[in-house]
Amino acid sequence: MKTSELRQKDEAGLKTEVKELQKAHFNLRMQKATQQLSNTNQLRQTRRAIARAKTILAEKQSAAAAAK
């Protein structure tokens, strides 16, 4: 998911997105462990997508805290 799409979501939406990405990353890790994963680049992509979503979530939370 692109950064601009993530920025349009609210905090709850970002939290669910992070959880979904973490589940996907776990499944990819299990596929790698059982040697069923052919494209190992997917692990890197999901790891970075998780980091991207968490960064935007932290930005939104700090902005909300500063506004109070």
Protein backbone atom coordinates (compact mmCIF):
# COMPACT_ATOMS: atom_id res chain seq x y z
CA MET A 1 0.00 0.00 0.00
CA LYS A 2 1.27 3.44 -0.84
CA THR A 3 2.11 6.04 1.76
CA SER A 4 -0.56 8.41 0.49
CA GLU A 5 -3.20 5.70 0.95
CA LEU A 6 -2.00 5.01 4.48
CA ARG A 7 -2.07 8.69 5.41
CA GLN A 8 -5.77 8.87 4.49
CA LYS A 9 -6.67 6.21 7.07
CA ASP A 10 -7.50 6.97 10.67
CA GLU A 11 -5.68 5.43 13.65
CA ALA A 12 -8.02 2.45 13.91
CA GLY A 13 -7.62 1.73 10.21
CA LEU A 14 -3.86 1.89 10.51
CA LYS A 15 -3.87 -0.49 13.47
CA THR A 16 -5.89 -3.04 11.52
CA GLU A 17 -3.57 -2.60 8.54
CA VAL A 18 -0.53 -3.29 10.73
CA LYS A 19 -2.18 -6.42 12.14
CA GLU A 20 -3.04 -7.68 8.65
CA LEU A 21 0.50 -7.04 7.45
CA GLN A 22 1.95 -8.84 10.47
CA LYS A 23 -0.26 -11.86 9.78
CA ALA A 24 0.85 -11.86 6.15
CA HIS A 25 4.49 -11.60 7.21
CA PHE A 26 4.05 -14.51 9.63
CA ASN A 27 2.52 -16.65 6.89
CA LEU A 28 5.39 -15.80 4.57
CA ARG A 29 7.90 -16.76 7.26
CA MET A 30 6.18 -20.10 7.72
CA GLN A 31 6.22 -20.69 3.97
CA LYS A 32 9.94 -19.92 3.93
CA ALA A 33 10.57 -22.31 6.81
CA THR A 34 8.78 -25.12 4.98
CA GLN A 35 10.52 -24.17 1.73
CA GLN A 36 7.29 -23.31 -0.05
CA LEU A 37 8.15 -19.65 -0.64
CA SER A 38 9.59 -19.06 -4.10
CA ASN A 39 9.80 -15.25 -3.98
CA THR A 40 11.73 -14.36 -0.83
CA ASN A 41 11.56 -10.67 -1.73
CA GLN A 42 8.00 -10.67 -0.39
CA LEU A 43 9.40 -10.92 3.15
CA ARG A 44 11.31 -7.70 2.66
CA GLN A 45 8.32 -5.95 1.12
CA THR A 46 5.96 -6.86 3.96
CA ARG A 47 8.54 -5.95 6.61
CA ARG A 48 8.96 -2.52 5.08
CA ALA A 49 5.20 -2.07 4.67
CA ILE A 50 4.77 -2.82 8.39
CA ALA A 51 7.42 -0.24 9.24
CA ARG A 52 5.80 2.32 6.95
CA ALA A 53 2.37 1.81 8.53
CA LYS A 54 3.77 1.95 12.07
CA THR A 55 5.64 5.16 11.29
CA ILE A 56 2.53 6.88 9.98
CA LEU A 57 0.55 5.60 12.97
CA ALA A 58 3.14 7.04 15.36
CA GLU A 59 3.04 10.36 13.50
CA LYS A 60 -0.74 10.53 13.83
CA GLN A 61 -0.64 9.61 17.51
CA SER A 62 2.00 12.22 18.31
CA ALA A 63 0.07 14.85 16.35
CA ALA A 64 -3.07 13.99 18.30
CA ALA A 65 -1.19 14.20 21.58
CA ALA A 66 0.30 17.57 20.63
CA ALA A 67 -3.14 18.91 19.72
CA LYS A 68 -4.50 18.18 23.21
